[in-house]
């Protein structure tokens, strides 16, 4: 079997390439022209931009499946137009190239943030309520894959928050803040969120590639944990003090003030209303469909995964 991977040089992409190679699957990586990241010697590297249909048509071929990981994250300075160009139109271009070249399966990696939050566990039938430009463009890309009428079988995987060795952005920031005593839990911290170790996510992607009957949308998670569970596990791994709780009656006015200050100063602030809502809302998920149809079963516990991640950060001199 041969699989094409876009976004192969990112956190998830690097782990997925290794997992596929370990399974004896041949890998072709689609990289941007500006990407100088070195790939394993046994990975075929091809160059193409997501907005260049001719380049994609030449690169996206001679494979059994394609995993589309490449995406633009929503960050300060990134416009809605840029997000739509990469996340929406880029997905459409990759999918059309795959279909024209006879690739049988297209796996699109999305996230549970497209569903918003709910007081009950969310599953694939939950009505989605994406909040923010990034989540909205990821949901739009999901719809492109779901509604595609070509011969390529499209599968959407909605992952909960991913952590593990190799992640050097948001989760690393949390580790650093907890180590320094600068992290706070807003409210009681008993709201639930889904977490998945990158190894388990790569297992789910591999299963989606291999399973002939895989179809539609699947939620992928390693388990539902409270915010306290997540933060305390990090504190324990670092042998740091557990973060204190900030009452929401104080947090909400503070978030509004920081949002206004950030707008005036043109700086990204550590807290603003939408982030506070995300940190305190319930995002529990149900992975029954993935278990039943893909045979997916997460194996990395939260404590083991956090400890492994912490050791990797320390070995890399990041903590």
C-alpha atoms as a PDB file:
ATOM      1  CA  UNK A   1       0.000   0.000   0.000  1.00  0.00           C
ATOM      2  CA  UNK A   2       1.135   3.550  -0.765  1.00  0.00           C
ATOM      3  CA  UNK A   3      -0.178   6.642   1.039  1.00  0.00           C
ATOM      4  CA  UNK A   4       0.248  10.342   0.274  1.00  0.00           C
ATOM      5  CA  UNK A   5       0.450  12.721   3.241  1.00  0.00           C
ATOM      6  CA  UNK A   6       0.055  16.493   3.112  1.00  0.00           C
ATOM      7  CA  UNK A   7       1.327  18.437   6.098  1.00  0.00           C
ATOM      8  CA  UNK A   8       3.870  15.669   6.646  1.00  0.00           C
ATOM      9  CA  UNK A   9       6.398  17.953   8.350  1.00  0.00           C
ATOM     10  CA  UNK A  10       4.053  19.124  11.111  1.00  0.00           C
ATOM     11  CA  UNK A  11       3.664  17.677  14.605  1.00  0.00           C
ATOM     12  CA  UNK A  12       1.006  15.143  13.632  1.00  0.00           C
ATOM     13  CA  UNK A  13       2.453  14.622  10.157  1.00  0.00           C
ATOM     14  CA  UNK A  14       5.888  13.538  11.371  1.00  0.00           C
ATOM     15  CA  UNK A  15       4.349  11.065  13.793  1.00  0.00           C
ATOM     16  CA  UNK A  16       2.003   9.728  11.132  1.00  0.00           C
ATOM     17  CA  UNK A  17       4.786   9.219   8.586  1.00  0.00           C
ATOM     18  CA  UNK A  18       6.715   7.172  11.155  1.00  0.00           C
ATOM     19  CA  UNK A  19       3.621   5.155  12.079  1.00  0.00           C
ATOM     20  CA  UNK A  20       2.855   4.359   8.454  1.00  0.00           C
ATOM     21  CA  UNK A  21       6.443   3.329   7.739  1.00  0.00           C
ATOM     22  CA  UNK A  22       6.407   1.103  10.831  1.00  0.00           C
ATOM     23  CA  UNK A  23       3.309  -0.579   9.358  1.00  0.00           C
ATOM     24  CA  UNK A  24       5.215  -1.310   6.155  1.00  0.00           C
ATOM     25  CA  UNK A  25       3.239   1.300   4.193  1.00  0.00           C
ATOM     26  CA  UNK A  26       5.045   3.338   1.518  1.00  0.00           C
ATOM     27  CA  UNK A  27       4.756   7.098   2.010  1.00  0.00           C
ATOM     28  CA  UNK A  28       4.800  10.031  -0.381  1.00  0.00           C
ATOM     29  CA  UNK A  29       4.974  13.467   1.264  1.00  0.00           C
ATOM     30  CA  UNK A  30       3.606  16.607  -0.396  1.00  0.00           C
ATOM     31  CA  UNK A  31       5.673  19.583   0.776  1.00  0.00           C
ATOM     32  CA  UNK A  32       5.484  23.258  -0.054  1.00  0.00           C
ATOM     33  CA  UNK A  33       8.363  24.596  -2.159  1.00  0.00           C
ATOM     34  CA  UNK A  34       9.608  26.631   0.817  1.00  0.00           C
ATOM     35  CA  UNK A  35       9.630  23.689   3.236  1.00  0.00           C
ATOM     36  CA  UNK A  36      13.245  22.610   3.837  1.00  0.00           C
ATOM     37  CA  UNK A  37      12.408  19.956   6.452  1.00  0.00           C
ATOM     38  CA  UNK A  38      14.325  16.717   5.932  1.00  0.00           C
ATOM     39  CA  UNK A  39      12.161  13.640   5.554  1.00  0.00           C
ATOM     40  CA  UNK A  40      13.222  10.012   6.152  1.00  0.00           C
ATOM     41  CA  UNK A  41      15.268   8.602   3.281  1.00  0.00           C
ATOM     42  CA  UNK A  42      12.575   6.073   2.381  1.00  0.00           C
ATOM     43  CA  UNK A  43       9.885   8.759   1.941  1.00  0.00           C
ATOM     44  CA  UNK A  44       9.277  10.117  -1.546  1.00  0.00           C
ATOM     45  CA  UNK A  45       9.082  13.918  -1.415  1.00  0.00           C
ATOM     46  CA  UNK A  46       7.020  15.886  -3.924  1.00  0.00           C
ATOM     47  CA  UNK A  47       6.506  19.655  -4.115  1.00  0.00           C
ATOM     48  CA  UNK A  48       3.172  21.404  -4.606  1.00  0.00           C
ATOM     49  CA  UNK A  49       1.270  24.396  -3.277  1.00  0.00           C
ATOM     50  CA  UNK A  50      -2.337  23.888  -2.203  1.00  0.00           C
ATOM     51  CA  UNK A  51      -3.523  26.691  -4.466  1.00  0.00           C
ATOM     52  CA  UNK A  52      -1.786  25.318  -7.562  1.00  0.00           C
ATOM     53  CA  UNK A  53      -4.089  22.780  -9.231  1.00  0.00           C
ATOM     54  CA  UNK A  54      -1.569  21.838 -11.926  1.00  0.00           C
ATOM     55  CA  UNK A  55       1.146  21.049  -9.373  1.00  0.00           C
ATOM     56  CA  UNK A  56      -1.273  19.021  -7.268  1.00  0.00           C
ATOM     57  CA  UNK A  57      -2.488  17.054 -10.275  1.00  0.00           C
ATOM     58  CA  UNK A  58       1.106  16.028 -11.023  1.00  0.00           C
ATOM     59  CA  UNK A  59       1.987  15.228  -7.399  1.00  0.00           C
ATOM     60  CA  UNK A  60      -1.173  13.609  -6.057  1.00  0.00           C
ATOM     61  CA  UNK A  61      -1.115  10.316  -7.936  1.00  0.00           C
ATOM     62  CA  UNK A  62       0.096   6.717  -7.884  1.00  0.00           C
ATOM     63  CA  UNK A  63      -1.176   5.977  -4.385  1.00  0.00           C
ATOM     64  CA  UNK A  64      -3.965   4.047  -2.672  1.00  0.00           C
ATOM     65  CA  UNK A  65      -4.936   6.739  -0.188  1.00  0.00           C
ATOM     66  CA  UNK A  66      -4.266  10.345   0.735  1.00  0.00           C
ATOM     67  CA  UNK A  67      -4.260  11.856   4.236  1.00  0.00           C
ATOM     68  CA  UNK A  68      -4.822  15.601   4.197  1.00  0.00           C
ATOM     69  CA  UNK A  69      -3.273  17.193   7.297  1.00  0.00           C
ATOM     70  CA  UNK A  70      -2.044  20.481   5.841  1.00  0.00           C
ATOM     71  CA  UNK A  71      -3.906  23.493   7.238  1.00  0.00           C
ATOM     72  CA  UNK A  72      -3.406  27.077   8.318  1.00  0.00           C
ATOM     73  CA  UNK A  73      -4.021  27.794  11.995  1.00  0.00           C
ATOM     74  CA  UNK A  74      -5.955  30.788  13.188  1.00  0.00           C
ATOM     75  CA  UNK A  75      -3.425  33.180  14.691  1.00  0.00           C
ATOM     76  CA  UNK A  76      -3.183  36.959  15.142  1.00  0.00           C
ATOM     77  CA  UNK A  77      -2.478  38.505  11.760  1.00  0.00           C
ATOM     78  CA  UNK A  78      -3.990  35.628   9.791  1.00  0.00           C
ATOM     79  CA  UNK A  79      -7.032  36.825   7.858  1.00  0.00           C
ATOM     80  CA  UNK A  80     -10.261  34.971   7.138  1.00  0.00           C
ATOM     81  CA  UNK A  81      -9.370  35.140   3.453  1.00  0.00           C
ATOM     82  CA  UNK A  82      -6.048  33.358   4.076  1.00  0.00           C
ATOM     83  CA  UNK A  83      -7.750  30.660   6.135  1.00  0.00           C
ATOM     84  CA  UNK A  84     -10.342  30.051   3.452  1.00  0.00           C
ATOM     85  CA  UNK A  85      -7.702  29.915   0.717  1.00  0.00           C
ATOM     86  CA  UNK A  86      -5.713  27.197   2.510  1.00  0.00           C
ATOM     87  CA  UNK A  87      -8.237  25.308   4.622  1.00  0.00           C
ATOM     88  CA  UNK A  88     -11.243  25.390   2.310  1.00  0.00           C
ATOM     89  CA  UNK A  89     -10.095  25.874  -1.270  1.00  0.00           C
ATOM     90  CA  UNK A  90      -6.830  24.026  -0.624  1.00  0.00           C
ATOM     91  CA  UNK A  91      -8.783  20.998   0.594  1.00  0.00           C
ATOM     92  CA  UNK A  92     -11.018  21.160  -2.467  1.00  0.00           C
ATOM     93  CA  UNK A  93      -7.982  21.301  -4.770  1.00  0.00           C
ATOM     94  CA  UNK A  94      -6.258  18.337  -3.113  1.00  0.00           C
ATOM     95  CA  UNK A  95      -9.432  16.267  -3.150  1.00  0.00           C
ATOM     96  CA  UNK A  96     -10.154  16.990  -6.811  1.00  0.00           C
ATOM     97  CA  UNK A  97      -6.585  16.062  -7.753  1.00  0.00           C
ATOM     98  CA  UNK A  98      -6.891  12.809  -5.812  1.00  0.00           C
ATOM     99  CA  UNK A  99     -10.162  11.939  -7.517  1.00  0.00           C
ATOM    100  CA  UNK A 100      -8.886  12.745 -11.015  1.00  0.00           C
ATOM    101  CA  UNK A 101      -5.878  10.499 -10.415  1.00  0.00           C
ATOM    102  CA  UNK A 102      -7.943   7.564  -9.163  1.00  0.00           C
ATOM    103  CA  UNK A 103      -6.943   7.613  -5.495  1.00  0.00           C
ATOM    104  CA  UNK A 104      -9.465   5.424  -3.719  1.00  0.00           C
ATOM    105  CA  UNK A 105      -9.524   6.955  -0.249  1.00  0.00           C
ATOM    106  CA  UNK A 106      -9.210  10.523   1.077  1.00  0.00           C
ATOM    107  CA  UNK A 107      -8.837  11.017   4.840  1.00  0.00           C
ATOM    108  CA  UNK A 108      -9.377  14.556   6.090  1.00  0.00           C
ATOM    109  CA  UNK A 109      -8.227  15.477   9.600  1.00  0.00           C
ATOM    110  CA  UNK A 110     -10.538  17.928  11.311  1.00  0.00           C
ATOM    111  CA  UNK A 111     -11.154  18.671  14.977  1.00  0.00           C
ATOM    112  CA  UNK A 112     -13.981  18.478  17.495  1.00  0.00           C
ATOM    113  CA  UNK A 113     -13.820  22.275  17.838  1.00  0.00           C
ATOM    114  CA  UNK A 114     -16.150  22.375  14.809  1.00  0.00           C
ATOM    115  CA  UNK A 115     -18.916  21.043  17.086  1.00  0.00           C
ATOM    116  CA  UNK A 116     -18.577  23.714  19.770  1.00  0.00           C
ATOM    117  CA  UNK A 117     -19.628  22.580  23.236  1.00  0.00           C
ATOM    118  CA  UNK A 118     -22.522  20.779  24.889  1.00  0.00           C
ATOM    119  CA  UNK A 119     -23.728  19.787  28.342  1.00  0.00           C
ATOM    120  CA  UNK A 120     -23.894  16.196  27.073  1.00  0.00           C
ATOM    121  CA  UNK A 121     -21.333  13.992  25.350  1.00  0.00           C
ATOM    122  CA  UNK A 122     -21.122  14.885  21.654  1.00  0.00           C
ATOM    123  CA  UNK A 123     -21.071  12.347  18.837  1.00  0.00           C
ATOM    124  CA  UNK A 124     -21.097  12.379  15.033  1.00  0.00           C
ATOM    125  CA  UNK A 125     -24.796  13.349  15.016  1.00  0.00           C
ATOM    126  CA  UNK A 126     -24.313  16.444  17.173  1.00  0.00           C
ATOM    127  CA  UNK A 127     -25.323  19.645  15.389  1.00  0.00           C
ATOM    128  CA  UNK A 128     -22.100  21.559  14.778  1.00  0.00           C
ATOM    129  CA  UNK A 129     -21.592  25.088  16.048  1.00  0.00           C
ATOM    130  CA  UNK A 130     -18.075  26.148  15.017  1.00  0.00           C
ATOM    131  CA  UNK A 131     -16.956  29.367  16.672  1.00  0.00           C
ATOM    132  CA  UNK A 132     -14.253  31.500  15.097  1.00  0.00           C
ATOM    133  CA  UNK A 133     -12.715  31.699  11.646  1.00  0.00           C
ATOM    134  CA  UNK A 134     -10.444  28.670  12.013  1.00  0.00           C
ATOM    135  CA  UNK A 135     -13.188  26.308  13.219  1.00  0.00           C
ATOM    136  CA  UNK A 136     -15.581  27.620  10.583  1.00  0.00           C
ATOM    137  CA  UNK A 137     -13.115  27.009   7.748  1.00  0.00           C
ATOM    138  CA  UNK A 138     -12.323  23.512   9.024  1.00  0.00           C
ATOM    139  CA  UNK A 139     -16.041  22.730   9.098  1.00  0.00           C
ATOM    140  CA  UNK A 140     -16.432  24.089   5.571  1.00  0.00           C
ATOM    141  CA  UNK A 141     -13.604  21.780   4.448  1.00  0.00           C
ATOM    142  CA  UNK A 142     -15.344  18.851   6.162  1.00  0.00           C
ATOM    143  CA  UNK A 143     -18.457  19.580   4.131  1.00  0.00           C
ATOM    144  CA  UNK A 144     -16.454  19.594   0.906  1.00  0.00           C
ATOM    145  CA  UNK A 145     -15.217  16.092   1.715  1.00  0.00           C
ATOM    146  CA  UNK A 146     -18.601  14.797   2.928  1.00  0.00           C
ATOM    147  CA  UNK A 147     -20.527  16.130  -0.051  1.00  0.00           C
ATOM    148  CA  UNK A 148     -17.970  15.112  -2.681  1.00  0.00           C
ATOM    149  CA  UNK A 149     -19.571  13.222  -5.583  1.00  0.00           C
ATOM    150  CA  UNK A 150     -16.493  11.697  -7.219  1.00  0.00           C
ATOM    151  CA  UNK A 151     -15.187   8.135  -7.046  1.00  0.00           C
ATOM    152  CA  UNK A 152     -12.846   8.799  -4.118  1.00  0.00           C
ATOM    153  CA  UNK A 153     -14.173   7.635  -0.739  1.00  0.00           C
ATOM    154  CA  UNK A 154     -13.902  10.573   1.683  1.00  0.00           C
ATOM    155  CA  UNK A 155     -13.502  10.052   5.428  1.00  0.00           C
ATOM    156  CA  UNK A 156     -13.481  12.827   8.031  1.00  0.00           C
ATOM    157  CA  UNK A 157     -11.709  12.303  11.351  1.00  0.00           C
ATOM    158  CA  UNK A 158     -12.549  14.804  14.088  1.00  0.00           C
ATOM    159  CA  UNK A 159      -9.769  14.740  16.636  1.00  0.00           C
ATOM    160  CA  UNK A 160      -9.923  16.124  20.143  1.00  0.00           C
ATOM    161  CA  UNK A 161      -6.940  18.093  21.461  1.00  0.00           C
ATOM    162  CA  UNK A 162      -3.729  16.303  20.472  1.00  0.00           C
ATOM    163  CA  UNK A 163      -0.640  16.150  22.686  1.00  0.00           C
ATOM    164  CA  UNK A 164       2.581  14.192  22.807  1.00  0.00           C
ATOM    165  CA  UNK A 165       6.300  14.341  21.950  1.00  0.00           C
ATOM    166  CA  UNK A 166       6.977  16.728  19.096  1.00  0.00           C
ATOM    167  CA  UNK A 167       4.267  19.277  19.928  1.00  0.00           C
ATOM    168  CA  UNK A 168       6.023  22.613  20.396  1.00  0.00           C
ATOM    169  CA  UNK A 169       3.191  25.146  20.290  1.00  0.00           C
ATOM    170  CA  UNK A 170       0.140  25.386  22.542  1.00  0.00           C
ATOM    171  CA  UNK A 171       0.710  22.374  24.805  1.00  0.00           C
ATOM    172  CA  UNK A 172       4.353  23.322  25.345  1.00  0.00           C
ATOM    173  CA  UNK A 173       3.190  26.789  26.454  1.00  0.00           C
ATOM    174  CA  UNK A 174       0.928  25.173  29.057  1.00  0.00           C
ATOM    175  CA  UNK A 175       3.807  23.060  30.398  1.00  0.00           C
ATOM    176  CA  UNK A 176       6.043  26.126  30.648  1.00  0.00           C
ATOM    177  CA  UNK A 177       3.392  28.232  32.383  1.00  0.00           C
ATOM    178  CA  UNK A 178       2.618  25.517  34.919  1.00  0.00           C
ATOM    179  CA  UNK A 179       6.306  25.015  35.643  1.00  0.00           C
ATOM    180  CA  UNK A 180       6.705  28.749  36.306  1.00  0.00           C
ATOM    181  CA  UNK A 181       3.499  28.970  38.346  1.00  0.00           C
ATOM    182  CA  UNK A 182       1.875  31.268  35.784  1.00  0.00           C
ATOM    183  CA  UNK A 183      -1.049  29.041  34.805  1.00  0.00           C
ATOM    184  CA  UNK A 184      -4.547  29.393  36.254  1.00  0.00           C
ATOM    185  CA  UNK A 185      -7.664  27.266  36.121  1.00  0.00           C
ATOM    186  CA  UNK A 186     -10.774  29.314  35.489  1.00  0.00           C
ATOM    187  CA  UNK A 187     -13.838  28.251  37.428  1.00  0.00           C
ATOM    188  CA  UNK A 188     -14.004  24.901  39.206  1.00  0.00           C
ATOM    189  CA  UNK A 189     -12.125  23.045  36.483  1.00  0.00           C
ATOM    190  CA  UNK A 190     -14.658  20.215  36.365  1.00  0.00           C
ATOM    191  CA  UNK A 191     -15.654  20.806  32.739  1.00  0.00           C
ATOM    192  CA  UNK A 192     -14.717  17.884  30.500  1.00  0.00           C
ATOM    193  CA  UNK A 193     -12.561  17.870  27.397  1.00  0.00           C
ATOM    194  CA  UNK A 194     -11.323  15.181  25.059  1.00  0.00           C
ATOM    195  CA  UNK A 195      -7.594  14.526  24.817  1.00  0.00           C
ATOM    196  CA  UNK A 196      -5.730  12.189  22.495  1.00  0.00           C
ATOM    197  CA  UNK A 197      -2.071  11.200  22.419  1.00  0.00           C
ATOM    198  CA  UNK A 198      -0.549  11.581  18.971  1.00  0.00           C
ATOM    199  CA  UNK A 199       0.246   7.849  18.843  1.00  0.00           C
ATOM    200  CA  UNK A 200      -3.418   6.966  19.298  1.00  0.00           C
ATOM    201  CA  UNK A 201      -4.444   9.527  16.683  1.00  0.00           C
ATOM    202  CA  UNK A 202      -1.976   8.031  14.189  1.00  0.00           C
ATOM    203  CA  UNK A 203      -3.410   4.588  14.928  1.00  0.00           C
ATOM    204  CA  UNK A 204      -6.889   5.904  14.136  1.00  0.00           C
ATOM    205  CA  UNK A 205      -5.722   7.438  10.857  1.00  0.00           C
ATOM    206  CA  UNK A 206      -4.014   4.196   9.882  1.00  0.00           C
ATOM    207  CA  UNK A 207      -7.171   2.221  10.632  1.00  0.00           C
ATOM    208  CA  UNK A 208      -9.250   4.633   8.530  1.00  0.00           C
ATOM    209  CA  UNK A 209      -6.862   4.020   5.642  1.00  0.00           C
ATOM    210  CA  UNK A 210      -6.916   0.256   5.960  1.00  0.00           C
ATOM    211  CA  UNK A 211     -10.571  -0.456   6.784  1.00  0.00           C
ATOM    212  CA  UNK A 212     -12.528  -1.110   3.597  1.00  0.00           C
ATOM    213  CA  UNK A 213     -15.859  -0.280   5.254  1.00  0.00           C
ATOM    214  CA  UNK A 214     -14.723   3.031   6.756  1.00  0.00           C
ATOM    215  CA  UNK A 215     -17.105   5.806   5.708  1.00  0.00           C
ATOM    216  CA  UNK A 216     -18.365   9.181   6.850  1.00  0.00           C
ATOM    217  CA  UNK A 217     -17.227  11.023   9.968  1.00  0.00           C
ATOM    218  CA  UNK A 218     -15.509   9.652  13.084  1.00  0.00           C
ATOM    219  CA  UNK A 219     -14.671  11.313  16.379  1.00  0.00           C
ATOM    220  CA  UNK A 220     -11.226  10.339  17.679  1.00  0.00           C
ATOM    221  CA  UNK A 221     -10.208  10.797  21.297  1.00  0.00           C
ATOM    222  CA  UNK A 222      -8.109   9.109  23.929  1.00  0.00           C
ATOM    223  CA  UNK A 223     -10.598   9.801  26.705  1.00  0.00           C
ATOM    224  CA  UNK A 224     -12.672  12.454  28.438  1.00  0.00           C
ATOM    225  CA  UNK A 225     -10.967  14.262  31.282  1.00  0.00           C
ATOM    226  CA  UNK A 226     -11.761  17.265  33.418  1.00  0.00           C
ATOM    227  CA  UNK A 227      -9.652  20.382  33.064  1.00  0.00           C
ATOM    228  CA  UNK A 228      -8.337  19.609  36.547  1.00  0.00           C
ATOM    229  CA  UNK A 229      -7.268  16.116  35.429  1.00  0.00           C
ATOM    230  CA  UNK A 230      -5.302  17.547  32.512  1.00  0.00           C
ATOM    231  CA  UNK A 231      -3.625  20.417  34.354  1.00  0.00           C
ATOM    232  CA  UNK A 232      -2.864  18.434  37.513  1.00  0.00           C
ATOM    233  CA  UNK A 233      -1.296  15.627  35.462  1.00  0.00           C
ATOM    234  CA  UNK A 234       1.097  18.156  33.925  1.00  0.00           C
ATOM    235  CA  UNK A 235       1.873  19.673  37.334  1.00  0.00           C
ATOM    236  CA  UNK A 236       2.573  16.234  38.796  1.00  0.00           C
ATOM    237  CA  UNK A 237       4.887  15.307  35.914  1.00  0.00           C
ATOM    238  CA  UNK A 238       6.840  18.523  36.481  1.00  0.00           C
ATOM    239  CA  UNK A 239       6.720  18.186  40.282  1.00  0.00           C
ATOM    240  CA  UNK A 240       5.261  21.680  40.261  1.00  0.00           C
ATOM    241  CA  UNK A 241       2.552  23.261  42.410  1.00  0.00           C
ATOM    242  CA  UNK A 242      -0.978  22.741  41.211  1.00  0.00           C
ATOM    243  CA  UNK A 243      -2.350  25.923  39.584  1.00  0.00           C
ATOM    244  CA  UNK A 244      -4.860  27.960  41.574  1.00  0.00           C
ATOM    245  CA  UNK A 245      -8.463  28.518  40.499  1.00  0.00           C
ATOM    246  CA  UNK A 246      -9.777  31.915  39.403  1.00  0.00           C
ATOM    247  CA  UNK A 247     -13.538  32.412  39.947  1.00  0.00           C
ATOM    248  CA  UNK A 248     -15.458  33.108  36.754  1.00  0.00           C
ATOM    249  CA  UNK A 249     -16.917  36.282  38.268  1.00  0.00           C
ATOM    250  CA  UNK A 250     -13.388  37.650  38.183  1.00  0.00           C
ATOM    251  CA  UNK A 251     -12.205  35.907  35.011  1.00  0.00           C
ATOM    252  CA  UNK A 252     -14.904  37.224  32.659  1.00  0.00           C
ATOM    253  CA  UNK A 253     -14.345  40.964  33.336  1.00  0.00           C
ATOM    254  CA  UNK A 254     -10.600  40.309  33.107  1.00  0.00           C
ATOM    255  CA  UNK A 255     -10.972  38.580  29.742  1.00  0.00           C
ATOM    256  CA  UNK A 256     -12.990  41.500  28.356  1.00  0.00           C
ATOM    257  CA  UNK A 257     -10.437  44.020  29.621  1.00  0.00           C
ATOM    258  CA  UNK A 258      -7.533  42.087  28.094  1.00  0.00           C
ATOM    259  CA  UNK A 259      -9.372  41.769  24.783  1.00  0.00           C
ATOM    260  CA  UNK A 260      -9.830  45.537  24.636  1.00  0.00           C
ATOM    261  CA  UNK A 261      -6.212  46.125  25.638  1.00  0.00           C
ATOM    262  CA  UNK A 262      -5.014  43.688  23.007  1.00  0.00           C
ATOM    263  CA  UNK A 263      -7.030  45.452  20.325  1.00  0.00           C
ATOM    264  CA  UNK A 264      -5.641  48.852  21.292  1.00  0.00           C
ATOM    265  CA  UNK A 265      -2.055  47.643  21.631  1.00  0.00           C
ATOM    266  CA  UNK A 266      -2.298  45.270  18.637  1.00  0.00           C
ATOM    267  CA  UNK A 267      -0.956  42.395  20.733  1.00  0.00           C
ATOM    268  CA  UNK A 268      -2.151  38.879  21.408  1.00  0.00           C
ATOM    269  CA  UNK A 269      -3.268  38.647  25.016  1.00  0.00           C
ATOM    270  CA  UNK A 270      -3.151  35.430  27.076  1.00  0.00           C
ATOM    271  CA  UNK A 271      -6.892  35.593  27.698  1.00  0.00           C
ATOM    272  CA  UNK A 272      -9.946  36.899  25.883  1.00  0.00           C
ATOM    273  CA  UNK A 273     -13.665  35.960  25.985  1.00  0.00           C
ATOM    274  CA  UNK A 274     -13.663  33.265  23.290  1.00  0.00           C
ATOM    275  CA  UNK A 275     -10.618  31.581  24.807  1.00  0.00           C
ATOM    276  CA  UNK A 276     -12.147  31.708  28.289  1.00  0.00           C
ATOM    277  CA  UNK A 277     -15.319  30.148  26.926  1.00  0.00           C
ATOM    278  CA  UNK A 278     -13.289  27.390  25.289  1.00  0.00           C
ATOM    279  CA  UNK A 279     -11.336  26.731  28.497  1.00  0.00           C
ATOM    280  CA  UNK A 280     -14.474  26.446  30.643  1.00  0.00           C
ATOM    281  CA  UNK A 281     -17.016  24.789  28.331  1.00  0.00           C
ATOM    282  CA  UNK A 282     -17.859  21.100  28.308  1.00  0.00           C
ATOM    283  CA  UNK A 283     -16.409  19.245  25.303  1.00  0.00           C
ATOM    284  CA  UNK A 284     -16.985  15.606  26.236  1.00  0.00           C
ATOM    285  CA  UNK A 285     -17.146  13.267  23.232  1.00  0.00           C
ATOM    286  CA  UNK A 286     -18.385   9.767  22.384  1.00  0.00           C
ATOM    287  CA  UNK A 287     -16.085   7.596  20.235  1.00  0.00           C
ATOM    288  CA  UNK A 288     -18.422   4.591  19.970  1.00  0.00           C
ATOM    289  CA  UNK A 289     -18.609   4.801  16.167  1.00  0.00           C
ATOM    290  CA  UNK A 290     -14.822   4.761  15.755  1.00  0.00           C
ATOM    291  CA  UNK A 291     -14.567   1.805  18.118  1.00  0.00           C
ATOM    292  CA  UNK A 292     -17.262  -0.165  16.311  1.00  0.00           C
ATOM    293  CA  UNK A 293     -16.441   0.580  12.676  1.00  0.00           C
ATOM    294  CA  UNK A 294     -12.686   1.221  12.739  1.00  0.00           C
ATOM    295  CA  UNK A 295     -11.749  -1.059  15.604  1.00  0.00           C
ATOM    296  CA  UNK A 296     -10.149   1.947  17.273  1.00  0.00           C
ATOM    297  CA  UNK A 297      -9.141   1.651  20.922  1.00  0.00           C
ATOM    298  CA  UNK A 298      -6.819   4.225  22.527  1.00  0.00           C
ATOM    299  CA  UNK A 299      -3.999   2.724  24.585  1.00  0.00           C
ATOM    300  CA  UNK A 300      -2.049   5.708  25.996  1.00  0.00           C
ATOM    301  CA  UNK A 301      -3.281   6.813  29.417  1.00  0.00           C
ATOM    302  CA  UNK A 302      -3.258  10.489  30.333  1.00  0.00           C
ATOM    303  CA  UNK A 303      -0.591  10.149  33.023  1.00  0.00           C
ATOM    304  CA  UNK A 304       1.696   8.042  30.833  1.00  0.00           C
ATOM    305  CA  UNK A 305       1.223  10.344  27.856  1.00  0.00           C
ATOM    306  CA  UNK A 306       1.876  13.503  29.855  1.00  0.00           C
ATOM    307  CA  UNK A 307       4.981  12.005  31.480  1.00  0.00           C
ATOM    308  CA  UNK A 308       6.341  10.917  28.098  1.00  0.00           C
ATOM    309  CA  UNK A 309       5.691  14.375  26.667  1.00  0.00           C
ATOM    310  CA  UNK A 310       7.390  16.073  29.620  1.00  0.00           C
ATOM    311  CA  UNK A 311      10.489  13.898  29.246  1.00  0.00           C
ATOM    312  CA  UNK A 312      10.672  14.738  25.527  1.00  0.00           C
ATOM    313  CA  UNK A 313      10.453  18.446  26.295  1.00  0.00           C
ATOM    314  CA  UNK A 314      13.230  18.141  28.849  1.00  0.00           C
ATOM    315  CA  UNK A 315      15.444  16.071  26.549  1.00  0.00           C
ATOM    316  CA  UNK A 316      14.996  18.699  23.828  1.00  0.00           C
ATOM    317  CA  UNK A 317      15.898  21.498  26.243  1.00  0.00           C
ATOM    318  CA  UNK A 318      12.447  23.068  25.907  1.00  0.00           C
ATOM    319  CA  UNK A 319      11.609  23.024  29.627  1.00  0.00           C
END
